Amino acid sequence: MKIIASLLLTVLSLSAGVYEDLEYRDTRQQVTDKLMACERVDNTIPKTMFARVGLNGTFKIKKDLKGLNFSLFFNWNENQQLNEIALRSNAIAPGNANSKLSGPFKSATRLITEVYGPAVMSNSIPKSSQIKDGSILNSHLWNVDGGTLLMGIAKDQGKFHLSISFLEKHINPVPK
């Protein structure tokens, strides 16, 4: 189990910052500089193109999680400071989404629970038939360091992704 956890930590590196060395309220330049210096991510385009295409999806995590590769996506507040980091897996075709996402989903749940403790909201992996295109159905919620970590399944253009998001905002789970 320790070997699996150490391998997974290279995918979900929950170290000094929110994710890697990134901190909420970092500027785009700080995010870019920190990720360019990070040995666990690759950028997929030349740095000179960042202004033209943006940062979303341009940084990929080098290690996979049970066969899924992850890209980083960002959201910014009104002051153009980082307020969300999302790890989104590669796309899975609808025909086998539930079976392909099940193993990585369970592994990610175990890892995050090992790092942050039990989720304050925990449900089964969402079935692909439950998810509307262009949305995320989050099944797990952890309150971490004044923010929130959400995990669920996203659907975009008919394909499915494992989604893990770190949000600066504290979200309370919906009572059952």
Protein backbone atom coordinates (compact mmCIF):
# COMPACT_ATOMS: atom_id res chain seq x y z
CA MET A 1 0.00 0.00 0.00
CA LYS A 2 2.84 2.43 0.78
CA ILE A 3 4.30 1.87 -2.70
CA ILE A 4 0.93 2.65 -4.29
CA ALA A 5 0.50 5.75 -2.12
CA SER A 6 3.96 7.05 -3.04
CA LEU A 7 3.26 6.53 -6.75
CA LEU A 8 -0.08 8.29 -6.44
CA LEU A 9 1.47 11.21 -4.61
CA THR A 10 3.40 11.98 -7.79
CA VAL A 11 0.05 12.43 -9.52
CA LEU A 12 -1.72 14.21 -6.68
CA SER A 13 1.22 16.02 -5.17
CA LEU A 14 -0.35 17.60 -2.14
CA SER A 15 2.82 19.18 -0.80
CA ALA A 16 3.75 22.65 0.43
CA GLY A 17 1.09 24.58 -1.45
CA VAL A 18 -2.44 23.88 -2.51
CA TYR A 19 -1.06 21.78 -5.35
CA GLU A 20 2.70 21.46 -5.70
CA ASP A 21 3.99 24.93 -4.74
CA LEU A 22 0.91 26.76 -6.06
CA GLU A 23 -0.96 28.88 -3.53
CA TYR A 24 -4.37 30.48 -3.70
CA ARG A 25 -4.08 34.09 -4.86
CA ASP A 26 -0.94 33.43 -6.92
CA THR A 27 -0.85 35.52 -10.09
CA ARG A 28 -0.75 33.93 -13.55
CA GLN A 29 2.95 34.73 -13.74
CA GLN A 30 3.62 33.08 -10.38
CA VAL A 31 1.63 29.99 -11.45
CA THR A 32 3.54 29.83 -14.73
CA ASP A 33 6.94 30.24 -13.06
CA LYS A 34 6.20 27.64 -10.38
CA LEU A 35 4.93 25.07 -12.87
CA MET A 36 7.85 25.67 -15.25
CA ALA A 37 10.20 24.86 -12.34
CA CYS A 38 8.23 21.78 -11.24
CA GLU A 39 9.80 18.46 -12.18
CA ARG A 40 6.51 16.53 -11.92
CA VAL A 41 4.70 18.37 -14.71
CA ASP A 42 5.38 18.94 -18.39
CA ASN A 43 4.23 21.91 -20.43
CA THR A 44 2.89 21.00 -23.84
CA ILE A 45 3.51 24.29 -25.65
CA PRO A 46 6.38 26.79 -25.75
CA LYS A 47 6.23 29.39 -22.97
CA THR A 48 6.01 32.13 -25.62
CA MET A 49 2.55 30.77 -26.56
CA PHE A 50 1.02 30.96 -23.05
CA ALA A 51 -0.38 34.46 -23.61
CA ARG A 52 -2.08 33.31 -26.81
CA VAL A 53 -3.55 29.97 -25.67
CA GLY A 54 -3.66 30.33 -21.88
CA LEU A 55 -2.58 27.94 -19.16
CA ASN A 56 -5.60 25.62 -19.05
CA GLY A 57 -4.62 22.15 -20.18
CA THR A 58 -1.09 23.14 -21.15
CA PHE A 59 0.52 21.53 -18.10
CA LYS A 60 0.31 17.74 -17.78
CA ILE A 61 1.27 15.59 -14.84
CA LYS A 62 4.10 13.24 -15.82
CA LYS A 63 2.88 10.17 -13.90
CA ASP A 64 -0.44 8.52 -14.63
CA LEU A 65 -2.99 7.24 -12.13
CA LYS A 66 -4.07 3.70 -13.02
CA GLY A 67 -3.76 4.50 -16.74
CA LEU A 68 -5.30 7.99 -16.63
CA ASN A 69 -3.22 11.04 -17.49
CA PHE A 70 -4.08 14.40 -15.93
CA SER A 71 -3.89 18.00 -17.10
CA LEU A 72 -4.12 21.10 -14.92
CA PHE A 73 -6.84 23.73 -15.26
CA PHE A 74 -7.14 27.01 -13.38
CA ASN A 75 -9.73 29.53 -12.32
CA TRP A 76 -9.02 33.11 -11.27
CA ASN A 77 -10.83 35.62 -9.04
CA GLU A 78 -11.78 39.15 -10.09
CA ASN A 79 -8.23 40.32 -9.21
CA GLN A 80 -6.78 37.69 -11.58
CA GLN A 81 -5.47 35.61 -8.67
CA LEU A 82 -5.65 31.83 -8.49
CA ASN A 83 -8.72 30.52 -6.67
CA GLU A 84 -9.09 27.02 -8.13
CA ILE A 85 -6.85 24.25 -9.46
CA ALA A 86 -8.46 21.31 -11.21
CA LEU A 87 -6.83 18.06 -12.26
CA ARG A 88 -8.74 16.57 -15.16
CA SER A 89 -8.02 13.16 -16.62
CA ASN A 90 -7.83 12.33 -20.28
CA ALA A 91 -11.17 11.69 -22.00
CA ILE A 92 -12.87 8.30 -21.69
CA ALA A 93 -15.36 7.16 -24.34
CA PRO A 94 -18.95 6.69 -23.14
CA GLY A 95 -19.10 2.97 -23.84
CA ASN A 96 -16.65 1.98 -21.11
CA ALA A 97 -16.49 5.08 -18.91
CA ASN A 98 -17.77 3.44 -15.72
CA SER A 99 -15.32 0.54 -15.84
CA LYS A 100 -12.32 2.65 -16.95
CA LEU A 101 -12.88 5.30 -14.26
CA SER A 102 -13.68 2.96 -11.37
CA GLY A 103 -10.09 1.91 -10.49
CA PRO A 104 -8.55 5.40 -10.68
CA PHE A 105 -11.56 6.83 -8.78
CA LYS A 106 -11.05 4.36 -5.90
CA SER A 107 -7.29 4.96 -5.86
CA ALA A 108 -7.72 8.74 -5.79
CA THR A 109 -10.29 8.44 -3.00
CA ARG A 110 -7.90 6.33 -0.88
CA LEU A 111 -4.99 8.70 -1.45
CA ILE A 112 -6.90 11.86 -0.68
CA THR A 113 -8.40 10.24 2.43
CA GLU A 114 -4.91 9.18 3.54
CA VAL A 115 -3.67 12.76 3.20
CA TYR A 116 -6.74 14.70 4.46
CA GLY A 117 -8.77 12.20 6.45
CA PRO A 118 -12.30 11.05 5.73
CA ALA A 119 -14.41 13.03 3.29
CA VAL A 120 -17.19 15.12 4.82
CA MET A 121 -19.33 14.03 1.86
CA SER A 122 -18.82 10.63 0.27
CA ASN A 123 -20.96 8.85 -2.29
CA SER A 124 -20.52 6.14 -4.90
CA ILE A 125 -18.82 6.94 -8.18
CA PRO A 126 -21.41 8.71 -10.34
CA LYS A 127 -22.81 6.64 -13.18
CA SER A 128 -22.10 8.08 -16.61
CA SER A 129 -25.84 8.12 -17.35
CA GLN A 130 -26.36 10.58 -14.45
CA ILE A 131 -24.01 13.25 -15.80
CA LYS A 132 -25.16 15.95 -18.19
CA ASP A 133 -22.80 17.13 -20.90
CA GLY A 134 -20.79 20.17 -19.81
CA SER A 135 -21.08 19.39 -16.11
CA ILE A 136 -19.34 17.69 -13.20
CA LEU A 137 -21.10 15.44 -10.71
CA ASN A 138 -18.99 15.60 -7.55
CA SER A 139 -19.36 12.66 -5.21
CA HIS A 140 -16.72 13.50 -2.61
CA LEU A 141 -15.92 16.64 -0.63
CA TRP A 142 -13.08 17.31 1.81
CA ASN A 143 -12.63 20.55 3.73
CA VAL A 144 -8.91 21.30 3.59
CA ASP A 145 -6.82 24.22 4.83
CA GLY A 146 -9.69 26.71 4.69
CA GLY A 147 -10.74 25.54 1.24
CA THR A 148 -12.43 22.58 -0.37
CA LEU A 149 -11.32 19.58 -2.36
CA LEU A 150 -13.97 18.08 -4.66
CA MET A 151 -13.79 14.86 -6.62
CA GLY A 152 -16.21 13.56 -9.20
CA ILE A 153 -16.83 12.69 -12.81
CA ALA A 154 -17.12 15.31 -15.55
CA LYS A 155 -18.68 15.01 -18.99
CA ASP A 156 -17.50 17.17 -21.85
CA GLN A 157 -18.50 16.73 -25.50
CA GLY A 158 -19.88 13.27 -24.72
CA LYS A 159 -16.69 11.98 -23.08
CA PHE A 160 -15.92 11.48 -19.39
CA HIS A 161 -13.10 12.63 -17.08
CA LEU A 162 -12.06 12.09 -13.48
CA SER A 163 -12.04 15.55 -11.94
CA ILE A 164 -10.24 16.61 -8.75
CA SER A 165 -10.58 20.28 -7.81
CA PHE A 166 -8.97 22.40 -5.10
CA LEU A 167 -11.11 25.47 -4.38
CA GLU A 168 -10.22 28.42 -2.19
CA LYS A 169 -13.87 28.67 -1.17
CA HIS A 170 -15.08 26.58 1.77
CA ILE A 171 -18.12 24.52 0.76
CA ASN A 172 -20.33 22.70 3.23
CA PRO A 173 -21.87 19.39 2.14
CA VAL A 174 -25.59 19.19 1.52
CA PRO A 175 -27.26 17.50 4.50
CA LYS A 176 -28.75 14.09 3.73
